[in-house]
């Protein structure tokens, strides 16, 4: 009895989307001329594919797969660790500031250095 009830409930819940798709009368955004142009292009592409040799088809398939893989790798690279690419200029400037000019040895705490600092500060 429970199985039958579950089947009835599942059936009634799955029917409205089917009816909605069957009743879809949404007008196309393309004009008749554009549709005809697209159909001609698709027919020309099908005809060109039909004329291809098996080697050419394999090469075309390999090229499509390589392009798709390249696109996927680019997306992965951008999304996996975006901090490196996004903050590249900040990272470079931080590295250069860390590796700034090194002072002379034993120069920081000498009287000459203190006099120079006092001159810079206007004292």
Protein backbone atom coordinates (compact mmCIF):
# COMPACT_ATOMS: atom_id res chain seq x y z
CA UNK A 1 0.00 0.00 0.00
CA UNK A 2 2.81 2.41 0.89
CA UNK A 3 4.57 1.71 -2.39
CA UNK A 4 1.44 2.41 -4.37
CA UNK A 5 0.90 5.66 -2.51
CA UNK A 6 4.52 6.66 -3.12
CA UNK A 7 4.14 5.94 -6.84
CA UNK A 8 0.97 8.03 -7.05
CA UNK A 9 2.60 10.96 -5.26
CA UNK A 10 5.73 10.74 -7.44
CA UNK A 11 3.63 10.58 -10.59
CA UNK A 12 1.53 13.61 -9.68
CA UNK A 13 4.64 15.61 -8.81
CA UNK A 14 6.39 14.75 -12.07
CA UNK A 15 3.49 15.52 -14.43
CA UNK A 16 3.24 19.36 -14.13
CA UNK A 17 6.78 20.02 -15.45
CA UNK A 18 6.06 17.73 -18.41
CA UNK A 19 2.90 19.65 -19.21
CA UNK A 20 4.74 22.95 -18.84
CA UNK A 21 7.36 21.89 -21.39
CA UNK A 22 4.71 20.57 -23.75
CA UNK A 23 2.79 23.86 -23.61
CA UNK A 24 5.84 26.08 -24.15
CA UNK A 25 4.94 28.51 -26.93
CA UNK A 26 7.78 30.95 -26.30
CA UNK A 27 8.54 32.84 -29.49
CA UNK A 28 12.05 32.60 -30.83
CA UNK A 29 14.29 35.64 -30.49
CA UNK A 30 15.51 35.13 -34.05
CA UNK A 31 13.83 36.47 -37.15
CA UNK A 32 13.06 34.17 -40.07
CA UNK A 33 16.05 35.50 -42.00
CA UNK A 34 18.45 34.80 -39.15
CA UNK A 35 16.99 31.32 -38.68
CA UNK A 36 17.44 30.57 -42.39
CA UNK A 37 21.02 31.86 -42.29
CA UNK A 38 21.83 29.70 -39.25
CA UNK A 39 20.23 26.66 -40.91
CA UNK A 40 22.30 27.19 -44.06
CA UNK A 41 25.48 27.46 -41.99
CA UNK A 42 24.62 24.29 -40.09
CA UNK A 43 23.87 22.43 -43.34
CA UNK A 44 27.17 23.62 -44.85
CA UNK A 45 29.05 22.45 -41.76
CA UNK A 46 27.34 19.05 -41.91
CA UNK A 47 28.21 18.73 -45.60
CA UNK A 48 31.85 19.64 -44.95
CA UNK A 49 32.02 17.11 -42.13
CA UNK A 50 30.50 14.42 -44.35
CA UNK A 51 33.21 15.01 -46.99
CA UNK A 52 36.05 14.64 -44.48
CA UNK A 53 38.22 11.54 -44.43
CA UNK A 54 38.50 9.52 -41.22
CA UNK A 55 41.98 10.96 -40.65
CA UNK A 56 40.68 14.50 -41.01
CA UNK A 57 37.82 13.74 -38.64
CA UNK A 58 40.26 12.34 -36.08
CA UNK A 59 42.50 15.41 -36.43
CA UNK A 60 39.52 17.75 -36.02
CA UNK A 61 38.35 15.83 -32.97
CA UNK A 62 41.85 15.97 -31.48
CA UNK A 63 42.04 19.73 -32.10
CA UNK A 64 38.63 20.28 -30.45
CA UNK A 65 39.69 18.22 -27.44
CA UNK A 66 43.00 20.10 -27.15
CA UNK A 67 41.20 23.45 -27.24
CA UNK A 68 38.68 22.29 -24.66
CA UNK A 69 41.49 21.02 -22.42
CA UNK A 70 43.37 24.30 -22.76
CA UNK A 71 40.24 26.26 -21.84
CA UNK A 72 39.59 23.99 -18.86
CA UNK A 73 43.20 24.33 -17.67
CA UNK A 74 42.92 28.10 -17.89
CA UNK A 75 39.73 28.09 -15.85
CA UNK A 76 41.26 25.74 -13.27
CA UNK A 77 44.37 27.89 -13.02
CA UNK A 78 42.31 31.01 -12.43
CA UNK A 79 39.95 29.47 -9.91
CA UNK A 80 42.15 27.09 -7.92
CA UNK A 81 44.54 29.69 -6.52
CA UNK A 82 43.49 33.14 -7.67
CA UNK A 83 45.56 34.88 -5.01
CA UNK A 84 48.82 34.37 -6.86
CA UNK A 85 47.57 35.83 -10.12
CA UNK A 86 45.45 38.55 -8.53
CA UNK A 87 48.10 39.84 -6.18
CA UNK A 88 51.08 39.42 -8.47
CA UNK A 89 51.98 43.13 -8.54
CA UNK A 90 51.57 43.42 -4.79
CA UNK A 91 53.78 40.38 -4.25
CA UNK A 92 56.46 41.79 -6.56
CA UNK A 93 56.51 45.17 -4.82
CA UNK A 94 56.70 43.48 -1.43
CA UNK A 95 59.65 41.40 -2.56
CA UNK A 96 61.48 44.44 -3.92
CA UNK A 97 60.87 46.41 -0.74
CA UNK A 98 62.19 43.52 1.35
CA UNK A 99 65.27 43.32 -0.83
CA UNK A 100 65.84 47.07 -0.71
CA UNK A 101 69.26 48.70 -0.50
CA UNK A 102 71.33 47.31 2.31
CA UNK A 103 73.09 49.83 4.53
CA UNK A 104 76.81 49.84 4.98
CA UNK A 105 78.12 47.59 7.66
CA UNK A 106 78.40 49.25 11.08
CA UNK A 107 76.84 52.44 9.72
CA UNK A 108 73.48 52.55 11.48
CA UNK A 109 74.67 53.26 15.01
CA UNK A 110 77.65 55.46 14.25
CA UNK A 111 77.86 59.18 15.03
CA UNK A 112 77.98 59.96 11.30
CA UNK A 113 74.69 58.16 10.77
CA UNK A 114 73.07 59.99 13.66
CA UNK A 115 74.27 63.34 12.32
CA UNK A 116 72.91 62.46 8.88
CA UNK A 117 69.53 61.52 10.34
CA UNK A 118 69.41 64.76 12.32
CA UNK A 119 70.09 66.71 9.12
CA UNK A 120 67.36 64.84 7.29
CA UNK A 121 64.85 65.58 10.05
CA UNK A 122 65.90 69.22 10.16
CA UNK A 123 67.39 69.30 13.66
